[in-house]
Amino acid sequence: MHLAQVLDVIEALVAASGHPEITAVERYGHDLVPGGPSPAGVRVRYESGAEAYLWGAVWPRENALPTPEVLPPPTRRVDRIAVLIAWLLDAARPAAFRSWQLVALPDLGPTDERGKVPCGVRIDCADGTSLLLRATAAGGPQGDPEVDPYPGYRVPESLGAS
């Protein structure tokens, strides 16, 4: 699969997630493969004005992580979007993807947690290709709450019907 096809699936899942904190989902960039000069990805905007990005990346190593049962707090946008994507993929189980894994990336994350916190999702596609979607984030003008304002959020059951 091409990066654009993987991003189409991710964009559709986030848009269908119904997470009340998310106000917009849109694509950006033009690269057809990870690691180019115009990284292609999906931008997620939140109520606070903060944004999270998932984009095709190339990274030398990855540490596989289990998917937590609770979303990280909004102040940890990178972790939060990576975990949400893993949840959405677990629920939807897109036929185009064979498997996916939440990953930590060496040298990324808070200093005392580098290589140990979610920074992306590795997706193995049904056609044998594999892509890393790295998560990054930018703060918004309102600042993010320390505590999850939507702790009761659950992935919609209808997502599994896709």
N, C-alpha and C. Protein backbone atom coordinates (compact mmCIF):
# COMPACT_ATOMS: atom_id res chain seq x y z
N MET A 1 0.84 -1.18 0.00
CA MET A 1 0.00 0.00 0.00
C MET A 1 0.88 1.24 0.00
N HIS A 2 0.37 2.26 -0.58
CA HIS A 2 1.05 3.55 -0.56
C HIS A 2 0.68 4.29 0.72
N LEU A 3 1.54 5.22 1.11
CA LEU A 3 1.29 6.03 2.30
C LEU A 3 -0.08 6.69 2.24
N ALA A 4 -0.43 7.24 1.08
CA ALA A 4 -1.72 7.93 0.95
C ALA A 4 -2.89 7.01 1.28
N GLN A 5 -2.81 5.76 0.89
CA GLN A 5 -3.89 4.80 1.16
C GLN A 5 -4.01 4.53 2.67
N VAL A 6 -2.87 4.39 3.33
CA VAL A 6 -2.88 4.17 4.78
C VAL A 6 -3.46 5.40 5.47
N LEU A 7 -3.04 6.59 5.03
CA LEU A 7 -3.55 7.82 5.63
C LEU A 7 -5.05 7.99 5.39
N ASP A 8 -5.56 7.52 4.25
CA ASP A 8 -7.00 7.57 3.99
C ASP A 8 -7.76 6.79 5.07
N VAL A 9 -7.25 5.61 5.40
CA VAL A 9 -7.89 4.76 6.42
C VAL A 9 -7.84 5.46 7.77
N ILE A 10 -6.67 5.99 8.13
CA ILE A 10 -6.52 6.65 9.43
C ILE A 10 -7.42 7.87 9.53
N GLU A 11 -7.45 8.70 8.49
CA GLU A 11 -8.30 9.89 8.49
C GLU A 11 -9.77 9.50 8.68
N ALA A 12 -10.22 8.48 7.97
CA ALA A 12 -11.61 8.04 8.08
C ALA A 12 -11.92 7.52 9.49
N LEU A 13 -11.00 6.78 10.08
CA LEU A 13 -11.22 6.25 11.42
C LEU A 13 -11.32 7.37 12.45
N VAL A 14 -10.41 8.35 12.38
CA VAL A 14 -10.45 9.46 13.35
C VAL A 14 -11.74 10.25 13.17
N ALA A 15 -12.12 10.50 11.91
CA ALA A 15 -13.36 11.24 11.65
C ALA A 15 -14.58 10.50 12.19
N ALA A 16 -14.56 9.17 12.12
CA ALA A 16 -15.69 8.36 12.58
C ALA A 16 -15.63 8.05 14.08
N SER A 17 -14.53 8.43 14.74
CA SER A 17 -14.33 8.06 16.15
C SER A 17 -15.34 8.70 17.09
N GLY A 18 -15.86 9.85 16.71
CA GLY A 18 -16.81 10.53 17.58
C GLY A 18 -16.21 11.05 18.88
N HIS A 19 -14.89 11.16 18.93
CA HIS A 19 -14.29 11.66 20.18
C HIS A 19 -14.68 13.12 20.35
N PRO A 20 -15.32 13.49 21.46
CA PRO A 20 -15.85 14.84 21.63
C PRO A 20 -14.79 15.93 21.69
N GLU A 21 -13.57 15.58 21.94
CA GLU A 21 -12.49 16.56 22.04
C GLU A 21 -11.98 16.98 20.65
N ILE A 22 -12.22 16.15 19.64
CA ILE A 22 -11.70 16.39 18.29
C ILE A 22 -12.66 17.28 17.52
N THR A 23 -12.14 18.39 16.99
CA THR A 23 -12.98 19.32 16.24
C THR A 23 -12.73 19.29 14.74
N ALA A 24 -11.60 18.76 14.30
CA ALA A 24 -11.31 18.70 12.86
C ALA A 24 -10.25 17.64 12.57
N VAL A 25 -10.36 17.04 11.41
CA VAL A 25 -9.39 16.07 10.92
C VAL A 25 -9.13 16.41 9.47
N GLU A 26 -7.85 16.54 9.09
CA GLU A 26 -7.55 16.86 7.69
C GLU A 26 -6.19 16.32 7.29
N ARG A 27 -6.01 16.14 6.00
CA ARG A 27 -4.75 15.65 5.45
C ARG A 27 -3.84 16.81 5.10
N TYR A 28 -2.55 16.53 5.07
CA TYR A 28 -1.56 17.53 4.65
C TYR A 28 -0.38 16.80 4.01
N GLY A 29 0.46 17.56 3.32
CA GLY A 29 1.67 17.01 2.70
C GLY A 29 1.41 16.34 1.37
N HIS A 30 2.51 16.09 0.65
CA HIS A 30 2.38 15.55 -0.70
C HIS A 30 3.21 14.30 -0.96
N ASP A 31 4.07 13.92 -0.02
CA ASP A 31 4.93 12.76 -0.28
C ASP A 31 4.12 11.49 -0.43
N LEU A 32 4.56 10.66 -1.36
CA LEU A 32 3.90 9.38 -1.61
C LEU A 32 4.48 8.27 -0.75
N VAL A 33 5.69 8.51 -0.23
CA VAL A 33 6.37 7.53 0.62
C VAL A 33 6.89 8.25 1.87
N PRO A 34 7.08 7.52 2.97
CA PRO A 34 7.60 8.14 4.18
C PRO A 34 9.02 8.68 3.98
N GLY A 35 9.33 9.74 4.69
CA GLY A 35 10.70 10.25 4.73
C GLY A 35 11.06 11.29 3.69
N GLY A 36 10.09 11.80 2.95
CA GLY A 36 10.38 12.79 1.91
C GLY A 36 10.37 14.21 2.42
N PRO A 37 10.57 15.19 1.53
CA PRO A 37 10.66 16.60 1.94
C PRO A 37 9.32 17.24 2.31
N SER A 38 8.20 16.65 1.90
CA SER A 38 6.89 17.18 2.24
C SER A 38 6.09 16.08 2.92
N PRO A 39 6.41 15.77 4.19
CA PRO A 39 5.79 14.63 4.87
C PRO A 39 4.26 14.68 4.78
N ALA A 40 3.69 13.57 4.35
CA ALA A 40 2.24 13.46 4.26
C ALA A 40 1.71 12.90 5.57
N GLY A 41 0.58 13.43 6.01
CA GLY A 41 0.02 12.96 7.26
C GLY A 41 -1.42 13.38 7.47
N VAL A 42 -1.88 13.13 8.68
CA VAL A 42 -3.22 13.49 9.11
C VAL A 42 -3.07 14.43 10.31
N ARG A 43 -3.75 15.57 10.24
CA ARG A 43 -3.74 16.55 11.34
C ARG A 43 -5.07 16.45 12.09
N VAL A 44 -4.97 16.38 13.41
CA VAL A 44 -6.15 16.32 14.27
C VAL A 44 -6.14 17.57 15.14
N ARG A 45 -7.24 18.32 15.10
CA ARG A 45 -7.34 19.54 15.91
C ARG A 45 -8.30 19.28 17.06
N TYR A 46 -7.95 19.86 18.22
CA TYR A 46 -8.72 19.65 19.45
C TYR A 46 -9.40 20.93 19.89
N GLU A 47 -10.33 20.81 20.83
CA GLU A 47 -11.07 21.96 21.36
C GLU A 47 -10.15 23.07 21.85
N SER A 48 -9.02 22.72 22.43
CA SER A 48 -8.09 23.70 22.99
C SER A 48 -7.30 24.44 21.91
N GLY A 49 -7.43 24.00 20.67
CA GLY A 49 -6.63 24.56 19.58
C GLY A 49 -5.34 23.78 19.36
N ALA A 50 -5.03 22.86 20.26
CA ALA A 50 -3.85 22.00 20.08
C ALA A 50 -4.07 21.11 18.86
N GLU A 51 -2.97 20.63 18.30
CA GLU A 51 -3.04 19.73 17.16
C GLU A 51 -2.12 18.55 17.37
N ALA A 52 -2.51 17.41 16.82
CA ALA A 52 -1.67 16.22 16.80
C ALA A 52 -1.55 15.81 15.34
N TYR A 53 -0.41 15.23 15.01
CA TYR A 53 -0.12 14.85 13.63
C TYR A 53 0.35 13.40 13.59
N LEU A 54 -0.09 12.68 12.58
CA LEU A 54 0.39 11.33 12.30
C LEU A 54 0.92 11.38 10.88
N TRP A 55 2.20 11.09 10.71
CA TRP A 55 2.80 11.24 9.39
C TRP A 55 3.76 10.10 9.10
N GLY A 56 3.91 9.81 7.81
CA GLY A 56 4.78 8.73 7.39
C GLY A 56 6.23 9.06 7.70
N ALA A 57 6.89 8.19 8.45
CA ALA A 57 8.26 8.46 8.89
C ALA A 57 9.13 7.23 8.68
N VAL A 58 10.42 7.48 8.71
CA VAL A 58 11.43 6.42 8.70
C VAL A 58 12.22 6.61 9.99
N TRP A 59 12.37 5.55 10.77
CA TRP A 59 13.07 5.64 12.05
C TRP A 59 13.97 4.42 12.19
N PRO A 60 15.16 4.59 12.78
CA PRO A 60 16.10 3.46 12.82
C PRO A 60 15.66 2.28 13.68
N ARG A 61 14.96 2.51 14.77
CA ARG A 61 14.53 1.42 15.64
C ARG A 61 13.19 1.77 16.26
N GLU A 62 12.49 0.73 16.70
CA GLU A 62 11.21 0.92 17.38
C GLU A 62 11.14 -0.05 18.54
N ASN A 63 10.45 0.35 19.58
CA ASN A 63 10.17 -0.53 20.71
C ASN A 63 8.67 -0.77 20.73
N ALA A 64 8.23 -2.00 20.53
CA ALA A 64 6.80 -2.32 20.58
C ALA A 64 6.28 -2.12 22.00
N LEU A 65 5.08 -1.58 22.09
CA LEU A 65 4.44 -1.32 23.38
C LEU A 65 3.06 -1.94 23.43
N PRO A 66 2.61 -2.35 24.60
CA PRO A 66 1.21 -2.78 24.72
C PRO A 66 0.31 -1.56 24.63
N THR A 67 -0.91 -1.76 24.19
CA THR A 67 -1.85 -0.65 24.11
C THR A 67 -2.54 -0.46 25.45
N PRO A 68 -2.41 0.73 26.05
CA PRO A 68 -3.04 0.97 27.35
C PRO A 68 -4.57 0.96 27.24
N GLU A 69 -5.21 0.70 28.36
CA GLU A 69 -6.67 0.70 28.40
C GLU A 69 -7.25 2.09 28.66
N VAL A 70 -6.38 3.04 29.03
CA VAL A 70 -6.81 4.41 29.31
C VAL A 70 -5.99 5.36 28.43
N LEU A 71 -6.67 6.35 27.85
CA LEU A 71 -5.95 7.35 27.06
C LEU A 71 -5.05 8.19 27.97
N PRO A 72 -3.84 8.49 27.52
CA PRO A 72 -3.01 9.43 28.28
C PRO A 72 -3.72 10.79 28.38
N PRO A 73 -3.34 11.62 29.33
CA PRO A 73 -4.01 12.92 29.50
C PRO A 73 -3.75 13.84 28.30
N PRO A 74 -4.61 14.85 28.11
CA PRO A 74 -4.44 15.77 26.99
C PRO A 74 -3.09 16.48 26.96
N THR A 75 -2.44 16.64 28.11
CA THR A 75 -1.13 17.28 28.13
C THR A 75 -0.06 16.42 27.46
N ARG A 76 -0.39 15.16 27.17
CA ARG A 76 0.53 14.24 26.48
C ARG A 76 -0.06 13.91 25.11
N ARG A 77 -0.20 14.93 24.27
CA ARG A 77 -0.87 14.79 22.97
C ARG A 77 -0.26 13.71 22.09
N VAL A 78 1.07 13.59 22.05
CA VAL A 78 1.71 12.58 21.20
C VAL A 78 1.27 11.19 21.63
N ASP A 79 1.39 10.91 22.91
CA ASP A 79 0.97 9.61 23.44
C ASP A 79 -0.51 9.39 23.18
N ARG A 80 -1.29 10.44 23.42
CA ARG A 80 -2.76 10.35 23.34
C ARG A 80 -3.22 9.98 21.94
N ILE A 81 -2.67 10.64 20.91
CA ILE A 81 -3.13 10.34 19.54
C ILE A 81 -2.66 8.95 19.11
N ALA A 82 -1.46 8.56 19.50
CA ALA A 82 -0.96 7.23 19.13
C ALA A 82 -1.84 6.14 19.75
N VAL A 83 -2.19 6.30 21.01
CA VAL A 83 -3.04 5.31 21.68
C VAL A 83 -4.43 5.30 21.05
N LEU A 84 -4.99 6.47 20.77
CA LEU A 84 -6.32 6.53 20.15
C LEU A 84 -6.31 5.79 18.81
N ILE A 85 -5.28 5.98 18.01
CA ILE A 85 -5.20 5.30 16.72
C ILE A 85 -5.14 3.79 16.92
N ALA A 86 -4.38 3.33 17.89
CA ALA A 86 -4.32 1.89 18.17
C ALA A 86 -5.70 1.37 18.57
N TRP A 87 -6.41 2.12 19.40
CA TRP A 87 -7.77 1.73 19.80
C TRP A 87 -8.68 1.63 18.58
N LEU A 88 -8.62 2.65 17.72
CA LEU A 88 -9.49 2.68 16.55
C LEU A 88 -9.19 1.51 15.61
N LEU A 89 -7.91 1.22 15.42
CA LEU A 89 -7.54 0.09 14.57
C LEU A 89 -7.99 -1.23 15.19
N ASP A 90 -7.85 -1.36 16.51
CA ASP A 90 -8.30 -2.58 17.19
C ASP A 90 -9.80 -2.79 16.99
N ALA A 91 -10.57 -1.71 17.01
CA ALA A 91 -12.02 -1.82 16.85
C ALA A 91 -12.43 -2.07 15.40
N ALA A 92 -11.82 -1.33 14.48
CA ALA A 92 -12.24 -1.40 13.08
C ALA A 92 -11.65 -2.59 12.33
N ARG A 93 -10.44 -2.98 12.68
CA ARG A 93 -9.74 -4.08 12.02
C ARG A 93 -9.83 -3.98 10.50
N PRO A 94 -9.31 -2.89 9.93
CA PRO A 94 -9.43 -2.70 8.48
C PRO A 94 -8.80 -3.87 7.70
N ALA A 95 -9.52 -4.34 6.69
CA ALA A 95 -9.04 -5.48 5.89
C ALA A 95 -7.73 -5.17 5.18
N ALA A 96 -7.47 -3.90 4.91
CA ALA A 96 -6.24 -3.51 4.21
C ALA A 96 -5.00 -3.66 5.09
N PHE A 97 -5.20 -3.81 6.40
CA PHE A 97 -4.08 -3.93 7.34
C PHE A 97 -4.05 -5.33 7.94
N ARG A 98 -2.88 -5.92 7.96
CA ARG A 98 -2.71 -7.24 8.57
C ARG A 98 -2.54 -7.11 10.08
N SER A 99 -1.76 -6.10 10.51
CA SER A 99 -1.53 -5.88 11.94
C SER A 99 -1.04 -4.46 12.17
N TRP A 100 -1.00 -4.08 13.43
CA TRP A 100 -0.51 -2.75 13.83
C TRP A 100 0.02 -2.88 15.24
N GLN A 101 0.95 -1.99 15.57
CA GLN A 101 1.58 -2.05 16.88
C GLN A 101 1.91 -0.64 17.34
N LEU A 102 1.51 -0.31 18.53
CA LEU A 102 1.90 0.94 19.16
C LEU A 102 3.41 0.86 19.41
N VAL A 103 4.15 1.93 19.10
CA VAL A 103 5.60 1.88 19.26
C VAL A 103 6.14 3.12 19.96
N ALA A 104 7.26 2.90 20.65
CA ALA A 104 8.08 3.99 21.20
C ALA A 104 9.28 4.11 20.26
N LEU A 105 9.82 5.29 20.15
CA LEU A 105 10.97 5.52 19.29
C LEU A 105 12.14 6.04 20.12
N PRO A 106 13.30 5.40 19.98
CA PRO A 106 14.46 5.84 20.76
C PRO A 106 14.72 7.34 20.59
N ASP A 107 15.15 7.97 21.63
CA ASP A 107 15.49 9.39 21.65
C ASP A 107 14.29 10.32 21.56
N LEU A 108 13.07 9.79 21.66
CA LEU A 108 11.88 10.64 21.65
C LEU A 108 11.09 10.42 22.93
N GLY A 109 10.41 11.47 23.35
CA GLY A 109 9.60 11.41 24.56
C GLY A 109 10.26 12.21 25.67
N PRO A 110 9.57 12.33 26.79
CA PRO A 110 10.15 13.04 27.93
C PRO A 110 11.51 12.42 28.31
N THR A 111 12.43 13.23 28.77
CA THR A 111 13.79 12.80 29.03
C THR A 111 13.88 11.51 29.81
N ASP A 112 13.11 11.37 30.87
CA ASP A 112 13.19 10.17 31.70
C ASP A 112 12.38 8.99 31.15
N GLU A 113 11.72 9.18 30.01
CA GLU A 113 10.89 8.12 29.42
C GLU A 113 11.24 7.84 27.96
N ARG A 114 12.37 8.33 27.49
CA ARG A 114 12.72 8.17 26.07
C ARG A 114 12.74 6.71 25.66
N GLY A 115 12.11 6.43 24.53
CA GLY A 115 12.05 5.07 24.03
C GLY A 115 11.08 4.18 24.78
N LYS A 116 10.26 4.79 25.66
CA LYS A 116 9.34 4.00 26.48
C LYS A 116 7.89 4.45 26.38
N VAL A 117 7.63 5.57 25.71
CA VAL A 117 6.26 6.10 25.61
C VAL A 117 5.80 6.05 24.15
N PRO A 118 4.50 5.93 23.93
CA PRO A 118 3.99 5.85 22.56
C PRO A 118 4.35 7.09 21.74
N CYS A 119 4.98 6.86 20.60
CA CYS A 119 5.33 7.95 19.68
C CYS A 119 4.87 7.65 18.26
N GLY A 120 4.19 6.52 18.06
CA GLY A 120 3.74 6.18 16.72
C GLY A 120 3.08 4.83 16.67
N VAL A 121 2.69 4.47 15.46
CA VAL A 121 2.04 3.19 15.20
C VAL A 121 2.69 2.58 13.96
N ARG A 122 3.15 1.35 14.09
CA ARG A 122 3.68 0.58 12.95
C ARG A 122 2.51 -0.19 12.35
N ILE A 123 2.28 -0.02 11.06
CA ILE A 123 1.17 -0.70 10.38
C ILE A 123 1.73 -1.65 9.34
N ASP A 124 1.37 -2.92 9.44
CA ASP A 124 1.74 -3.93 8.45
C ASP A 124 0.50 -4.15 7.59
N CYS A 125 0.65 -3.85 6.32
CA CYS A 125 -0.49 -3.91 5.40
C CYS A 125 -0.68 -5.32 4.84
N ALA A 126 -1.89 -5.59 4.39
CA ALA A 126 -2.24 -6.91 3.86
C ALA A 126 -1.39 -7.28 2.64
N ASP A 127 -0.90 -6.28 1.90
CA ASP A 127 -0.09 -6.57 0.71
C ASP A 127 1.39 -6.78 1.04
N GLY A 128 1.75 -6.76 2.33
CA GLY A 128 3.13 -7.00 2.74
C GLY A 128 3.94 -5.76 3.01
N THR A 129 3.44 -4.58 2.66
CA THR A 129 4.17 -3.35 2.96
C THR A 129 4.00 -3.01 4.44
N SER A 130 4.92 -2.23 4.96
CA SER A 130 4.89 -1.83 6.36
C SER A 130 5.24 -0.35 6.43
N LEU A 131 4.48 0.40 7.22
CA LEU A 131 4.70 1.84 7.34
C LEU A 131 4.66 2.25 8.81
N LEU A 132 5.49 3.21 9.15
CA LEU A 132 5.47 3.82 10.48
C LEU A 132 4.75 5.15 10.38
N LEU A 133 3.75 5.35 11.22
CA LEU A 133 3.13 6.66 11.36
C LEU A 133 3.63 7.23 12.68
N ARG A 134 4.45 8.26 12.57
CA ARG A 134 4.99 8.92 13.76
C ARG A 134 4.01 9.96 14.24
N ALA A 135 3.87 10.09 15.54
CA ALA A 135 2.98 11.08 16.14
C ALA A 135 3.80 12.26 16.64
N THR A 136 3.33 13.45 16.35
CA THR A 136 3.89 14.69 16.90
C THR A 136 2.71 15.58 17.29
N ALA A 137 2.99 16.66 17.99
CA ALA A 137 1.90 17.52 18.45
C ALA A 137 2.37 18.95 18.62
N ALA A 138 1.41 19.85 18.63
CA ALA A 138 1.65 21.27 18.88
C ALA A 138 0.57 21.76 19.84
N GLY A 139 0.97 22.55 20.81
CA GLY A 139 0.02 23.08 21.79
C GLY A 139 -0.88 24.14 21.18
N GLY A 140 -1.99 24.38 21.84
CA GLY A 140 -2.93 25.38 21.37
C GLY A 140 -2.94 26.60 22.26
N PRO A 141 -3.66 27.62 21.84
CA PRO A 141 -3.69 28.87 22.60
C PRO A 141 -4.36 28.75 23.97
N GLN A 142 -5.24 27.77 24.14
CA GLN A 142 -5.95 27.64 25.42
C GLN A 142 -5.23 26.76 26.43
N GLY A 143 -4.24 26.01 26.00
CA GLY A 143 -3.59 25.07 26.90
C GLY A 143 -4.48 23.85 27.09
N ASP A 144 -3.87 22.75 27.42
CA ASP A 144 -4.61 21.50 27.58
C ASP A 144 -4.88 21.21 29.05
N PRO A 145 -6.02 20.61 29.34
CA PRO A 145 -6.31 20.24 30.73
C PRO A 145 -5.39 19.12 31.20
N GLU A 146 -5.08 19.12 32.47
CA GLU A 146 -4.25 18.08 33.07
C GLU A 146 -4.98 16.75 33.15
N VAL A 147 -6.30 16.82 33.29
CA VAL A 147 -7.12 15.62 33.46
C VAL A 147 -8.00 15.47 32.22
N ASP A 148 -8.20 14.25 31.80
CA ASP A 148 -9.02 13.96 30.63
C ASP A 148 -10.44 14.49 30.83
N PRO A 149 -10.89 15.44 29.99
CA PRO A 149 -12.25 15.96 30.14
C PRO A 149 -13.32 14.97 29.68
N TYR A 150 -12.90 13.89 29.01
CA TYR A 150 -13.86 12.90 28.50
C TYR A 150 -13.42 11.49 28.89
N PRO A 151 -13.31 11.20 30.19
CA PRO A 151 -12.81 9.89 30.60
C PRO A 151 -13.74 8.74 30.24
N GLY A 152 -14.99 9.05 29.96
CA GLY A 152 -15.95 8.01 29.61
C GLY A 152 -15.98 7.67 28.13
N TYR A 153 -15.14 8.31 27.33
CA TYR A 153 -15.15 8.04 25.89
C TYR A 153 -14.85 6.57 25.60
N ARG A 154 -15.62 6.01 24.70
CA ARG A 154 -15.39 4.65 24.21
C ARG A 154 -15.47 4.68 22.69
N VAL A 155 -14.67 3.87 22.05
CA VAL A 155 -14.71 3.76 20.59
C VAL A 155 -16.10 3.25 20.22
N PRO A 156 -16.75 3.89 19.25
CA PRO A 156 -18.09 3.44 18.86
C PRO A 156 -18.08 2.00 18.34
N GLU A 157 -19.06 1.22 18.76
CA GLU A 157 -19.18 -0.15 18.28
C GLU A 157 -19.34 -0.22 16.78
N SER A 158 -19.96 0.81 16.20
CA SER A 158 -20.19 0.83 14.75
C SER A 158 -18.89 0.87 13.95
N LEU A 159 -17.80 1.27 14.58
CA LEU A 159 -16.52 1.32 13.89
C LEU A 159 -16.09 -0.07 13.45
N GLY A 160 -16.47 -1.08 14.21
CA GLY A 160 -16.12 -2.45 13.87
C GLY A 160 -16.87 -2.99 12.66
N ALA A 161 -17.88 -2.27 12.21
CA ALA A 161 -18.68 -2.71 11.07
C ALA A 161 -18.05 -2.33 9.74
N SER A 162 -16.93 -1.56 9.77
CA SER A 162 -16.36 -1.08 8.50
C SER A 162 -15.56 -2.14 7.79
